[in-house]
Protein backbone atom coordinates (compact mmCIF):
# COMPACT_ATOMS: atom_id res chain seq x y z
CA UNK A 1 -25.41 -15.34 -18.66
CA UNK A 2 -23.93 -18.60 -19.79
CA UNK A 3 -23.19 -22.07 -17.27
CA UNK A 4 -19.69 -22.96 -17.25
CA UNK A 5 -18.09 -26.46 -16.03
CA UNK A 6 -14.86 -26.71 -14.08
CA UNK A 7 -13.22 -29.02 -11.54
CA UNK A 8 -12.57 -27.86 -7.92
CA UNK A 9 -11.01 -29.02 -4.72
CA UNK A 10 -13.33 -27.64 -1.99
CA UNK A 11 -10.81 -25.44 0.32
CA UNK A 12 -13.57 -23.90 2.86
CA UNK A 13 -17.72 -23.95 3.05
CA UNK A 14 -19.62 -21.43 4.95
CA UNK A 15 -23.34 -20.89 5.64
CA UNK A 16 -25.01 -17.81 3.90
CA UNK A 17 -28.68 -17.25 5.45
CA UNK A 18 -30.90 -19.91 6.34
CA UNK A 19 -30.71 -22.39 3.20
CA UNK A 20 -27.16 -21.12 1.08
CA UNK A 21 -23.56 -21.89 1.55
CA UNK A 22 -20.91 -20.13 0.12
CA UNK A 23 -17.73 -22.85 -0.99
CA UNK A 24 -14.46 -21.59 -1.52
CA UNK A 25 -12.39 -23.96 -4.22
CA UNK A 26 -9.27 -24.41 -6.21
CA UNK A 27 -9.92 -24.86 -9.83
CA UNK A 28 -6.84 -25.73 -12.80
CA UNK A 29 -8.34 -23.11 -15.12
CA UNK A 30 -10.40 -20.12 -12.75
CA UNK A 31 -8.12 -20.76 -9.87
CA UNK A 32 -9.25 -19.54 -6.44
CA UNK A 33 -12.81 -18.52 -6.85
CA UNK A 34 -15.93 -18.38 -3.95
CA UNK A 35 -19.56 -19.17 -5.41
CA UNK A 36 -22.61 -19.16 -3.65
CA UNK A 37 -24.51 -22.74 -4.08
CA UNK A 38 -28.43 -21.35 -3.52
CA UNK A 39 -30.30 -23.90 -1.50
CA UNK A 40 -27.36 -26.29 -0.63
CA UNK A 41 -28.71 -26.73 2.79
CA UNK A 42 -32.23 -28.27 2.02
CA UNK A 43 -30.47 -29.21 -1.57
CA UNK A 44 -31.48 -33.59 -1.39
CA UNK A 45 -29.82 -33.90 -4.89
CA UNK A 46 -27.54 -31.54 -6.09
CA UNK A 47 -25.50 -30.68 -3.34
CA UNK A 48 -25.89 -32.81 -0.39
CA UNK A 49 -23.13 -34.39 1.08
CA UNK A 50 -20.70 -32.85 -1.61
CA UNK A 51 -19.84 -29.28 -0.56
CA UNK A 52 -17.22 -30.67 1.78
CA UNK A 53 -13.36 -29.16 2.55
CA UNK A 54 -11.08 -31.44 0.38
CA UNK A 55 -13.49 -32.81 -1.99
CA UNK A 56 -13.01 -33.00 -5.64
CA UNK A 57 -15.77 -31.74 -7.55
CA UNK A 58 -17.32 -31.39 -11.04
CA UNK A 59 -18.91 -27.91 -10.92
CA UNK A 60 -21.20 -26.16 -13.16
CA UNK A 61 -21.67 -22.21 -12.72
CA UNK A 62 -22.32 -18.75 -13.60
CA UNK A 63 -21.05 -15.92 -13.63
CA UNK A 64 -22.20 -12.46 -11.96
CA UNK A 65 -22.81 -9.44 -14.00
CA UNK A 66 -19.80 -7.80 -12.41
CA UNK A 67 -17.19 -10.60 -11.77
CA UNK A 68 -16.56 -11.80 -8.50
CA UNK A 69 -19.44 -14.22 -6.83
CA UNK A 70 -19.89 -16.93 -8.73
CA UNK A 71 -23.15 -19.07 -8.97
CA UNK A 72 -22.87 -22.79 -8.32
CA UNK A 73 -26.17 -24.65 -9.89
CA UNK A 74 -24.30 -28.04 -9.90
CA UNK A 75 -21.79 -30.31 -8.11
CA UNK A 76 -20.95 -33.80 -8.62
CA UNK A 77 -18.35 -35.42 -7.06
CA UNK A 78 -15.52 -36.99 -8.21
CA UNK A 79 -13.54 -37.88 -5.04
CA UNK A 80 -14.54 -37.17 -1.95
CA UNK A 81 -11.15 -38.14 0.41
CA UNK A 82 -12.90 -40.08 3.46
CA UNK A 83 -9.82 -41.19 4.76
CA UNK A 84 -8.97 -36.76 5.04
CA UNK A 85 -12.16 -36.97 7.79
CA UNK A 86 -11.68 -40.02 9.09
CA UNK A 87 -7.91 -39.57 10.25
CA UNK A 88 -7.29 -36.82 12.40
CA UNK A 89 -3.48 -36.08 11.36
CA UNK A 90 -4.56 -36.45 7.84
CA UNK A 91 -7.36 -34.02 8.31
CA UNK A 92 -4.81 -31.43 9.99
CA UNK A 93 -2.41 -32.03 7.55
CA UNK A 94 -5.12 -31.23 4.63
CA UNK A 95 -6.79 -28.36 6.61
CA UNK A 96 -3.03 -26.77 6.50
CA UNK A 97 -2.60 -27.44 2.99
CA UNK A 98 -5.41 -25.16 2.48
CA UNK A 99 -4.74 -22.78 4.45
CA UNK A 100 -1.59 -22.06 2.78
CA UNK A 101 -3.30 -22.26 -0.69
CA UNK A 102 -5.53 -19.67 0.66
CA UNK A 103 -2.73 -17.17 1.81
CA UNK A 104 -0.73 -18.24 -1.73
CA UNK A 105 -3.27 -17.68 -4.10
CA UNK A 106 -5.24 -14.86 -5.86
CA UNK A 107 -9.30 -14.90 -6.65
CA UNK A 108 -9.59 -15.74 -9.88
CA UNK A 109 -5.86 -16.30 -11.50
CA UNK A 110 -5.26 -19.40 -12.50
CA UNK A 111 -2.83 -21.84 -11.66
CA UNK A 112 -2.88 -25.14 -12.64
CA UNK A 113 0.56 -26.08 -10.83
CA UNK A 114 -0.90 -25.29 -7.51
CA UNK A 115 -4.46 -27.07 -8.31
CA UNK A 116 -1.98 -30.26 -9.27
CA UNK A 117 -0.07 -29.86 -6.27
CA UNK A 118 -3.59 -29.84 -4.06
CA UNK A 119 -4.62 -32.75 -5.64
CA UNK A 120 -1.07 -34.81 -5.61
CA UNK A 121 -1.25 -34.06 -1.51
CA UNK A 122 -5.02 -35.08 -0.83
CA UNK A 123 -4.01 -38.23 -2.95
CA UNK A 124 -0.80 -38.81 -0.80
CA UNK A 125 -2.76 -38.58 2.60
CA UNK A 126 -5.10 -40.69 0.50
CA UNK A 127 -3.12 -43.68 -0.13
CA UNK A 128 -1.72 -43.87 3.34
CA UNK A 129 2.09 -41.80 3.25
CA UNK A 130 3.20 -40.08 6.46
CA UNK A 131 1.27 -37.34 6.79
CA UNK A 132 3.84 -34.84 8.22
CA UNK A 133 6.34 -35.99 4.99
CA UNK A 134 3.54 -34.81 2.79
CA UNK A 135 3.01 -31.96 4.50
CA UNK A 136 7.12 -31.05 4.15
CA UNK A 137 7.00 -31.46 0.55
CA UNK A 138 4.05 -29.77 -0.08
CA UNK A 139 5.11 -26.93 1.77
CA UNK A 140 7.97 -26.51 -0.12
CA UNK A 141 6.70 -27.06 -3.82
CA UNK A 142 4.01 -24.74 -2.95
CA UNK A 143 6.42 -22.08 -2.23
CA UNK A 144 8.30 -22.40 -5.27
CA UNK A 145 5.18 -22.70 -7.39
CA UNK A 146 4.32 -18.97 -5.39
CA UNK A 147 7.74 -17.52 -6.52
CA UNK A 148 9.42 -18.07 -3.11
CA UNK A 149 11.47 -20.96 -3.47
CA UNK A 150 14.48 -20.63 -1.23
CA UNK A 151 17.86 -21.64 -3.28
CA UNK A 152 19.04 -24.88 -1.18
CA UNK A 153 21.77 -26.17 -3.16
CA UNK A 154 24.57 -23.13 -2.55
CA UNK A 155 25.02 -20.64 -0.21
CA UNK A 156 23.02 -17.44 -1.04
CA UNK A 157 26.10 -14.90 -0.14
CA UNK A 158 29.45 -16.79 -1.37
CA UNK A 159 27.49 -18.97 -4.29
CA UNK A 160 29.70 -22.19 -2.56
CA UNK A 161 27.68 -25.33 -3.57
CA UNK A 162 26.25 -26.95 -0.21
CA UNK A 163 28.84 -29.86 0.79
CA UNK A 164 29.60 -32.15 3.85
CA UNK A 165 31.47 -30.96 6.86
CA UNK A 166 29.81 -27.81 6.64
CA UNK A 167 26.47 -26.27 8.69
CA UNK A 168 24.37 -24.22 6.73
CA UNK A 169 21.18 -21.70 8.21
CA UNK A 170 18.25 -20.39 6.06
CA UNK A 171 17.11 -17.03 7.06
CA UNK A 172 13.56 -16.43 7.38
CA UNK A 173 13.24 -13.35 6.58
CA UNK A 174 15.01 -13.65 3.14
CA UNK A 175 14.93 -17.00 2.62
CA UNK A 176 18.92 -16.82 1.74
CA UNK A 177 20.91 -20.21 2.80
CA UNK A 178 24.38 -19.41 4.53
CA UNK A 179 27.17 -21.55 5.21
CA UNK A 180 28.84 -21.34 8.66
CA UNK A 181 31.58 -18.63 6.69
CA UNK A 182 28.79 -16.25 6.40
CA UNK A 183 26.26 -16.38 8.52
CA UNK A 184 27.63 -13.79 10.75
CA UNK A 185 26.38 -12.19 7.73
CA UNK A 186 22.77 -12.76 8.61
CA UNK A 187 22.11 -12.38 12.39
CA UNK A 188 18.61 -13.39 12.45
CA UNK A 189 18.97 -16.74 10.76
CA UNK A 190 18.65 -18.80 13.56
CA UNK A 191 16.83 -22.23 11.97
CA UNK A 192 19.46 -24.40 11.17
CA UNK A 193 20.06 -27.05 8.24
CA UNK A 194 21.77 -30.25 8.00
CA UNK A 195 23.51 -31.21 5.16
CA UNK A 196 21.52 -34.36 4.56
CA UNK A 197 18.30 -31.98 5.02
CA UNK A 198 19.35 -30.04 2.49
CA UNK A 199 20.09 -32.37 -0.20
CA UNK A 200 16.58 -34.17 0.11
CA UNK A 201 14.72 -30.71 -0.16
CA UNK A 202 16.73 -29.63 -3.26
CA UNK A 203 16.02 -33.21 -4.69
CA UNK A 204 12.27 -32.25 -3.97
CA UNK A 205 12.28 -29.10 -5.14
CA UNK A 206 13.74 -30.16 -8.86
CA UNK A 207 11.90 -33.53 -9.09
CA UNK A 208 8.83 -33.64 -11.26
CA UNK A 209 5.52 -33.74 -9.25
CA UNK A 210 4.47 -37.29 -11.08
CA UNK A 211 7.48 -38.76 -9.51
CA UNK A 212 7.31 -36.77 -5.71
CA UNK A 213 5.57 -39.94 -4.46
CA UNK A 214 9.35 -42.07 -4.76
CA UNK A 215 10.82 -39.36 -2.31
CA UNK A 216 10.68 -40.68 0.95
CA UNK A 217 12.37 -38.26 3.67
CA UNK A 218 13.14 -39.35 6.91
CA UNK A 219 11.41 -38.49 9.81
CA UNK A 220 14.26 -35.86 11.47
CA UNK A 221 14.56 -33.76 7.84
CA UNK A 222 10.24 -34.04 8.04
CA UNK A 223 10.16 -32.45 11.21
CA UNK A 224 12.64 -29.79 9.99
CA UNK A 225 11.71 -28.73 6.87
CA UNK A 226 8.41 -28.03 8.41
CA UNK A 227 9.88 -25.80 11.14
CA UNK A 228 12.10 -24.05 8.87
CA UNK A 229 9.32 -23.28 6.36
CA UNK A 230 6.85 -22.39 8.78
CA UNK A 231 9.25 -19.47 10.21
CA UNK A 232 10.02 -18.42 6.34
CA UNK A 233 6.79 -18.50 5.81
CA UNK A 234 5.33 -16.50 8.97
CA UNK A 235 7.60 -13.97 7.25
CA UNK A 236 6.35 -13.94 4.26
CA UNK A 237 2.77 -13.66 5.24
CA UNK A 238 3.51 -11.19 8.25
CA UNK A 239 0.78 -13.07 10.85
CA UNK A 240 0.42 -16.32 12.07
CA UNK A 241 -0.93 -19.56 10.31
CA UNK A 242 -3.48 -20.49 11.99
CA UNK A 243 -3.58 -24.68 11.42
CA UNK A 244 0.10 -24.61 12.75
CA UNK A 245 -0.58 -25.49 16.34
CA UNK A 246 -2.47 -28.79 15.39
CA UNK A 247 0.24 -29.93 13.01
CA UNK A 248 3.15 -29.27 15.21
CA UNK A 249 1.18 -30.90 17.82
CA UNK A 250 1.47 -34.20 15.95
CA UNK A 251 5.05 -34.58 16.53
CA UNK A 252 5.27 -32.13 19.46
CA UNK A 253 7.23 -29.97 17.29
CA UNK A 254 9.74 -27.41 19.44
CA UNK A 255 8.04 -24.11 17.59
CA UNK A 256 6.19 -21.19 18.97
């Protein structure tokens, strides 16, 4: 079997037997993958202090005969993102992001856009940006990368552009935005959005990822966004997001 190299962001790590570890990571060229690191629990060179959640690694691996589980033979630490394990709010947001990535990616299905989006989140948290602002921007962009981007510049029923003086709601089942004249056709559309929030979010959807750092969401906008995207995502997944309870606890967000 030929050894290959790739970069990977660690999404989760678990023990496997007495001495091995299973590592799930996201790579720009092989997508989400799980590899077994033989002897990682005893290793003092190849894997020590490297196989940690959120770490950016340069990995050497071999594929199995029938695909599936990879065999990790070496890991070089590119960035440990230590701050994310030292600050609780950053840790919670990073865990939330990794959980979403696990839900919205498929095994060994490459999607470089999602890899670089997750890397952006880790770098933004490390640089000291407000964690919940970063979480809101990441969640919105991830939905777009995964093909579930809600259209936020016009009413999804009458197609009238968003404008001041109107009120809007987002239907959690379809992701449709409805203006105050049309929302009676969407009885479940209980998630209200201010015009200011919609303008910020539309800009966040279309802005180049390299310039996303320039966008500063007001606190109310970030909170409003997290609540609405949570409801929408919960409907898409048909189950809850485990790390949501910890995330909403950071700001006391009022959502079950």
